[in-house]
Amino acid sequence: MKVIYTERNNSHKYSHLYRVLIFSIILFASIKEPLFGQQEPVYLSLTEIIKAAQENSPDAMIARHRFRRSYWEFRSFKAGYLPNLKLDAVLPNFNRTIDAITQSDGSETYRERTLARYSANMSLTQKVGLTGGEVFLQTGLQRLDNFYTDTSTRQYLSTPVNIGFRQPIFGYNAYKWDKQIEPMRYEEAKREFLESNEQVASTAINHFFNLLMAQVDRSIALKNLANYDTLFNIARGRFVLGKIAENELLQLELNLLRAQASVETADLNYQNMLFTFKSYLRLQTNQPLILIPPAQTHHFGVNVEEAISEARTNTSSGLNFDRRVLEAESQLNMARAQGRFDAQISASFGLTQTADKFAEAYNKPLDEERVTVGISIPILDWGQSKGRIKMAESNLELIRASIEQERTDFEQNIFLRVMQFNMQKNQLMIAAKADTVAQKRFDVTQKRYMIGKVNDILELNNAQIDNDNAKMGYYNALKTYWNSYYDLRRMTLFDFRDKIKISVIPENVLKN
């Protein structure tokens, strides 16, 4: 059952927390710093930060370019199985040489020869993935010019049409294996892009909460500084009246000095987190940024078996296991095919004609047939073929064993992530309740001390420390929840909140 865990439903746990947060934001926004000047602050939510990171961050850009490369690789692969039309031309091939020429009486003499050859051939080829062969259709025209000292001749050779095929009989059929492996590679690339996108969201969450906690920590430090300044001034008056001991006054002065140092430390930490935050999101603005904590979290139970099933079906890891086994089987098939008895057959039928004039080169063409059968029989290779086969078999078994272990680790990791997410509801409720109780305790202790009912300064110190720790603990729990949520999305590519599979439209990625 899905449960929406909101402040409205748990007002008794969160009302005081958000009053403190609103006070802190107002306090932060009221700070006059030279860096911000009088510029209006920009308020950013977690959802906006995740969206900005998935569009502008360096990790998101790298993921998009990797996917684009895989997309065009797959497009190139598919284009290789489409008909290929090509034109080859030589315009011209000119030769001027002195060669031995056979005379009519059988004797030879050296004569100067000048030749010019022109040719143009157009071919249409088509791969046959099922058999690993190739069919072709060709047409062409050649011209030969002989330049002699006293005369010259010109001849044409036409091939109006020539159709044929080339087919290996027992060889390794790379086309057949590629038609299975390459689509898996492309699908794996799409899933890797989605996983990278979810990882960018997790990184953005870390930057968001790091800056948010630095923001809250600085507001806490400023609030503590104001509180200890007030308490120290009250204590000085009481000391003059002899109502408190000097050591208590000194303790409050020490607390005031520590609060001043904490403000400087918190401010430095905030500026550092702000720089990292803006760098990752590639934000160019100099306006002050105020982060708004997510006001609601969605709690729902996730079934372990369902999560593992979705991970196997949707993620790149599940597909990677199958692809690696298929590639190993392909290598084994190649090892078995190479170095063994092989044969190849090629055949063609065409029309051709030769003439001294271009108009006559296509007149009454003669048929031309060619058939070639070639065989290769290894007689002695000293066990090279057997060695390649054994290595390929061993590699296949090694990959299968490795994948079996990786599957176990993969499913165990999914199990741990699901368990971690399922416990976030209670963890967040405990952290929120602890923050509320610690804040109330500090307020009560501070008021009692100011009216003189509590004289132990250490009790006030402990209440303040517990209050600060509880507040930061709540934000840490909130950060853990969102990290756990997006880790589960990344590891399963499934949104269990909306019960939908996370997918991508390639054309949308190519546009960005």
Foldseek 3Di string as FASTA:
>chain_A
DWDWFFCVVVVVLCVVVVVVVVVLVVVLQPDADPLAHPDDADEAELVRLLVLLCPFFPLNVVLLVLLVVLVVVLVVLVVLQDKDKDKDWDPKDWDWDWDWDQDPVGDTDTDIKIKIKIKMKIKIKGADLVQLKMKMKMWMKMKMWIDHPVDIAIKMKTWGIKIKMKGKDQAQRPSNLCVVQSVLSSLLSQQVSVLSSLVSSLVSLVLQLQLQLLSVQLSLLVVQLVLLVVVLVLVVVCVVVVNADVVLSVVSVVSNVVSVVSNVVSVVSNVVSVVVNCNRSVDDDSHHYHYDYDRIDMADADDLVVLLVLLLVRHSLVSVLVSVLSVLVSQLSNLLRPPAKIKMKMKMKTWMAMDRDPVCRPPPTDIDIDIDMDIDHDDDDPCPSVVSNVVSVVVSVVSVVVSVVVSVVLSVVSVVLSVLLNCLVVQLSVLSNQLVVLVVLLVVVSVCVSVPNDRDVVSNVVSSVSNSVSSSSNSVSVSSNVSSQSVSCSSSCARPVVGGHNGDDSVVSVVD
